[in-house]
N, C-alpha and C. Protein backbone atom coordinates (compact mmCIF):
# COMPACT_ATOMS: atom_id res chain seq x y z
N UNK A 1 33.46 142.74 14.97
CA UNK A 1 32.37 143.99 14.06
C UNK A 1 32.90 143.28 12.81
N UNK A 2 31.68 143.47 11.87
CA UNK A 2 32.03 143.19 10.65
C UNK A 2 33.42 143.39 9.78
N UNK A 3 33.95 142.79 8.97
CA UNK A 3 34.96 143.26 8.01
C UNK A 3 34.57 142.85 6.74
N UNK A 4 34.83 144.07 5.74
CA UNK A 4 35.21 143.58 4.23
C UNK A 4 36.11 143.67 3.58
N UNK A 5 36.51 141.90 2.72
CA UNK A 5 38.00 141.85 2.20
C UNK A 5 37.56 142.50 0.77
N UNK A 6 38.09 143.50 0.27
CA UNK A 6 38.03 144.09 -0.89
C UNK A 6 39.47 143.38 -2.14
N UNK A 7 38.68 142.82 -2.94
CA UNK A 7 40.07 142.11 -4.21
C UNK A 7 39.87 142.89 -5.09
N UNK A 8 40.58 143.33 -5.22
CA UNK A 8 40.37 144.66 -6.90
C UNK A 8 41.22 143.34 -8.16
N UNK A 9 40.44 143.01 -9.17
CA UNK A 9 41.45 142.45 -9.80
C UNK A 9 41.37 142.95 -11.38
N UNK A 10 42.27 142.33 -11.99
CA UNK A 10 42.54 143.60 -13.71
C UNK A 10 43.07 142.57 -14.40
N UNK A 11 42.64 141.80 -15.23
CA UNK A 11 42.64 140.54 -16.40
C UNK A 11 42.14 140.92 -17.69
N UNK A 12 43.09 140.60 -18.75
CA UNK A 12 42.31 141.16 -20.12
C UNK A 12 41.65 140.38 -20.67
N UNK A 13 40.92 140.51 -21.56
CA UNK A 13 39.74 140.22 -22.32
C UNK A 13 39.92 138.36 -22.33
N UNK A 14 40.81 138.23 -22.94
CA UNK A 14 41.00 137.09 -23.51
C UNK A 14 41.56 135.70 -21.88
N UNK A 15 40.88 136.53 -20.71
CA UNK A 15 41.54 135.43 -19.52
C UNK A 15 39.61 136.29 -18.87
N UNK A 16 39.07 136.72 -19.38
CA UNK A 16 37.85 136.88 -18.56
C UNK A 16 37.14 135.84 -18.05
N UNK A 17 37.02 134.88 -19.22
CA UNK A 17 36.29 133.70 -18.65
C UNK A 17 37.19 132.75 -17.46
N UNK A 18 37.77 133.01 -18.23
CA UNK A 18 39.04 131.95 -16.64
C UNK A 18 38.51 132.72 -15.55
N UNK A 19 38.98 134.11 -15.33
CA UNK A 19 38.38 134.85 -14.22
C UNK A 19 37.40 134.40 -13.44
N UNK A 20 36.13 134.50 -14.29
CA UNK A 20 35.11 133.91 -14.01
C UNK A 20 34.86 132.51 -13.12
N UNK A 21 35.43 131.78 -13.94
CA UNK A 21 35.75 130.22 -13.38
C UNK A 21 36.52 130.13 -12.09
N UNK A 22 37.77 131.47 -11.59
CA UNK A 22 38.15 131.49 -10.89
C UNK A 22 37.79 132.22 -9.50
N UNK A 23 36.84 132.93 -9.98
CA UNK A 23 35.79 133.79 -8.89
C UNK A 23 34.51 132.32 -8.42
N UNK A 24 34.22 131.41 -9.55
CA UNK A 24 33.03 130.26 -8.49
C UNK A 24 34.07 129.63 -7.88
N UNK A 25 35.25 129.08 -7.99
CA UNK A 25 36.34 128.45 -7.42
C UNK A 25 36.70 128.86 -5.73
N UNK A 26 36.47 129.89 -5.77
CA UNK A 26 36.92 130.97 -4.84
C UNK A 26 35.79 131.09 -3.58
N UNK A 27 34.71 131.13 -4.29
CA UNK A 27 33.35 131.71 -3.54
C UNK A 27 32.58 129.74 -3.26
N UNK A 28 33.49 129.06 -4.05
CA UNK A 28 32.88 127.93 -3.10
C UNK A 28 33.75 127.13 -1.92
N UNK A 29 34.84 127.58 -2.37
CA UNK A 29 36.12 127.33 -1.49
C UNK A 29 35.90 128.84 -0.12
N UNK A 30 35.51 129.49 -0.42
CA UNK A 30 35.29 130.75 1.19
C UNK A 30 33.82 130.17 1.62
N UNK A 31 33.34 129.80 0.70
CA UNK A 31 32.04 130.09 1.77
C UNK A 31 32.06 128.66 2.85
N UNK A 32 32.69 128.25 3.07
CA UNK A 32 32.69 127.29 4.27
C UNK A 32 34.01 127.40 5.22
N UNK A 33 34.25 128.69 5.15
CA UNK A 33 34.96 129.36 6.20
C UNK A 33 34.39 129.74 6.81
N UNK A 34 35.05 129.07 8.20
CA UNK A 34 34.27 129.93 9.73
C UNK A 34 34.54 132.01 9.99
N UNK A 35 33.41 132.06 10.44
CA UNK A 35 33.49 133.81 10.13
C UNK A 35 32.75 134.19 9.03
N UNK A 36 32.73 133.39 7.40
CA UNK A 36 32.23 133.83 5.96
C UNK A 36 30.53 134.44 6.28
N UNK A 37 30.57 135.46 5.94
CA UNK A 37 28.59 135.88 5.84
C UNK A 37 28.25 135.64 4.66
N UNK A 38 28.91 136.47 3.50
CA UNK A 38 28.73 136.56 2.07
C UNK A 38 29.51 137.02 1.11
N UNK A 39 29.28 137.01 -0.15
CA UNK A 39 30.61 137.36 -1.23
C UNK A 39 29.87 138.03 -2.66
N UNK A 40 30.23 139.12 -3.09
CA UNK A 40 29.84 139.99 -4.39
C UNK A 40 30.82 139.93 -5.23
N UNK A 41 30.58 139.94 -6.32
CA UNK A 41 31.51 140.66 -7.55
C UNK A 41 30.71 141.76 -8.13
N UNK A 42 32.04 142.79 -8.63
CA UNK A 42 31.38 143.66 -8.83
C UNK A 42 32.34 143.77 -10.48
N UNK A 43 31.16 144.39 -11.65
CA UNK A 43 32.09 144.75 -12.89
C UNK A 43 32.45 146.03 -13.53
N UNK A 44 33.23 146.45 -13.16
CA UNK A 44 33.37 147.72 -14.49
C UNK A 44 33.26 147.82 -15.49
N UNK A 45 32.18 148.19 -16.11
CA UNK A 45 31.86 148.55 -17.21
C UNK A 45 32.25 150.14 -17.82
N UNK A 46 32.95 150.60 -17.45
CA UNK A 46 33.71 151.62 -18.21
C UNK A 46 35.22 150.98 -18.18
N UNK A 47 35.81 150.21 -17.39
CA UNK A 47 37.02 149.74 -17.22
C UNK A 47 36.77 147.83 -17.21
N UNK A 48 36.26 147.24 -18.79
CA UNK A 48 36.66 146.14 -19.02
C UNK A 48 37.79 145.62 -18.44
N UNK A 49 37.93 144.46 -18.31
CA UNK A 49 38.48 143.74 -17.35
C UNK A 49 38.89 144.16 -15.80
N UNK A 50 37.87 144.52 -15.60
CA UNK A 50 38.22 145.23 -13.87
C UNK A 50 36.92 144.61 -13.31
N UNK A 51 37.61 144.03 -11.82
CA UNK A 51 36.32 143.78 -10.75
C UNK A 51 36.75 143.75 -9.42
N UNK A 52 35.76 143.75 -9.04
CA UNK A 52 35.84 144.12 -7.04
C UNK A 52 35.18 142.64 -6.44
N UNK A 53 36.01 142.16 -5.92
CA UNK A 53 35.17 140.48 -5.56
C UNK A 53 35.43 141.00 -3.48
N UNK A 54 33.97 141.54 -3.28
CA UNK A 54 33.58 142.14 -1.69
C UNK A 54 33.47 140.54 -0.74
N UNK A 55 34.43 140.52 -0.07
CA UNK A 55 33.58 139.30 0.93
C UNK A 55 33.51 139.65 2.43
N UNK A 56 32.46 139.37 2.75
CA UNK A 56 32.16 140.21 4.10
C UNK A 56 32.35 138.84 5.83
N UNK A 57 33.11 139.30 6.66
CA UNK A 57 33.57 138.57 7.13
C UNK A 57 33.25 139.33 8.60
N UNK A 58 32.76 138.17 9.82
CA UNK A 58 32.08 138.07 10.91
C UNK A 58 33.35 139.36 11.49
N UNK A 59 34.74 138.87 11.40
CA UNK A 59 35.84 139.65 12.54
C UNK A 59 36.86 139.54 11.21
N UNK A 60 37.90 140.53 12.04
CA UNK A 60 39.65 140.41 10.88
C UNK A 60 39.68 139.69 10.99
N UNK A 61 39.98 138.82 12.44
CA UNK A 61 40.55 137.63 12.99
C UNK A 61 40.02 136.53 11.81
N UNK A 62 38.96 136.20 11.59
CA UNK A 62 38.41 135.64 10.65
C UNK A 62 38.81 135.76 9.39
N UNK A 63 38.98 136.51 8.51
CA UNK A 63 39.64 137.15 7.10
C UNK A 63 41.16 136.78 7.49
N UNK A 64 41.99 136.99 8.07
CA UNK A 64 43.03 137.08 8.19
C UNK A 64 43.46 135.22 8.56
N UNK A 65 42.45 134.70 9.16
CA UNK A 65 42.42 133.02 8.57
C UNK A 65 42.09 132.50 7.81
N UNK A 66 41.41 133.01 6.81
CA UNK A 66 41.62 132.88 5.08
C UNK A 66 42.59 133.28 4.69
N UNK A 67 43.23 133.96 4.77
CA UNK A 67 44.28 135.02 3.97
C UNK A 67 45.57 134.22 4.53
N UNK A 68 45.66 133.31 5.44
CA UNK A 68 46.70 132.38 6.08
C UNK A 68 46.23 131.05 5.29
N UNK A 69 45.07 130.96 5.03
CA UNK A 69 44.60 129.30 4.66
C UNK A 69 45.48 128.81 3.54
N UNK A 70 45.57 127.85 3.37
CA UNK A 70 46.34 126.71 2.28
C UNK A 70 45.26 127.09 0.96
N UNK A 71 44.45 127.15 1.31
CA UNK A 71 43.13 127.14 -0.01
C UNK A 71 43.60 128.70 -0.86
N UNK A 72 43.69 130.20 0.26
CA UNK A 72 43.57 130.83 -0.27
C UNK A 72 44.86 131.61 -0.88
N UNK A 73 45.94 130.68 -0.83
CA UNK A 73 47.84 130.75 -1.41
C UNK A 73 47.60 130.04 -2.41
N UNK A 74 46.26 128.84 -2.44
CA UNK A 74 46.46 128.04 -4.19
C UNK A 74 45.74 129.05 -4.86
N UNK A 75 44.75 129.70 -4.39
CA UNK A 75 44.25 130.34 -5.12
C UNK A 75 45.30 131.71 -5.85
N UNK A 76 45.66 132.05 -4.85
CA UNK A 76 46.64 133.54 -5.44
C UNK A 76 47.79 133.00 -6.30
N UNK A 77 47.96 131.92 -6.18
CA UNK A 77 49.42 131.07 -7.11
C UNK A 77 48.58 131.46 -8.52
N UNK A 78 47.01 130.57 -8.51
CA UNK A 78 46.72 130.26 -9.86
C UNK A 78 46.05 131.69 -10.88
N UNK A 79 46.01 132.96 -9.32
CA UNK A 79 45.14 133.97 -10.08
C UNK A 79 46.55 134.59 -10.76
N UNK A 80 47.74 134.53 -10.56
CA UNK A 80 48.82 134.94 -10.86
C UNK A 80 49.62 134.89 -12.28
N UNK A 81 49.65 133.06 -12.14
CA UNK A 81 50.72 132.02 -12.49
C UNK A 81 49.60 131.79 -14.34
N UNK A 82 48.51 131.28 -13.64
CA UNK A 82 47.89 130.73 -14.86
C UNK A 82 46.88 131.83 -15.72
N UNK A 83 46.42 132.66 -14.97
CA UNK A 83 45.49 133.59 -15.45
C UNK A 83 46.06 134.76 -15.77
N UNK A 84 46.85 135.20 -15.12
CA UNK A 84 47.32 136.47 -15.42
C UNK A 84 46.94 137.57 -14.90
N UNK A 85 46.06 137.91 -13.66
CA UNK A 85 45.44 139.06 -13.62
C UNK A 85 46.17 139.42 -12.73
N UNK A 86 46.51 141.02 -12.54
CA UNK A 86 47.11 141.75 -11.41
C UNK A 86 45.33 141.97 -10.42
N UNK A 87 46.17 141.48 -8.67
CA UNK A 87 45.39 141.59 -7.91
C UNK A 87 45.78 142.47 -6.74
N UNK A 88 44.76 143.17 -5.73
CA UNK A 88 45.72 143.39 -4.29
C UNK A 88 44.29 143.04 -3.71
N UNK A 89 44.40 143.41 -2.35
CA UNK A 89 43.54 143.18 -1.55
C UNK A 89 43.67 144.11 0.11
N UNK A 90 42.36 144.24 0.70
CA UNK A 90 42.70 145.50 1.64
C UNK A 90 41.33 144.98 2.50
N UNK A 91 41.78 145.35 3.76
CA UNK A 91 40.71 145.04 4.72
C UNK A 91 40.58 145.81 5.66
N UNK A 92 38.71 146.36 4.67
CA UNK A 92 37.86 147.26 5.97
C UNK A 92 37.16 147.26 6.61
N UNK A 93 36.80 147.95 7.35
CA UNK A 93 35.71 147.77 8.41
C UNK A 93 34.58 148.19 7.73
N UNK A 94 33.39 147.23 8.32
CA UNK A 94 32.11 147.46 7.68
C UNK A 94 31.50 149.12 8.16
């Protein structure tokens, strides 16, 4: 069953360009992962600096493999320390 990984990000206005570069880098890495289908990023125009990134995976196991990967770990570290964004994620059934 397909699942969605929903990543909620909140960043200050000063870091929005850095966040966009981070998202571009993440998309380039995630697109090479087994079980990955596609991703989209939604911008909240009523709450500047809030983003939802939604990736769709073939299964929860494929999604968990990504979340346990060295690439994801490095991205998490970068988003917290360099960009200073608040991030949370959830896996949901499609």
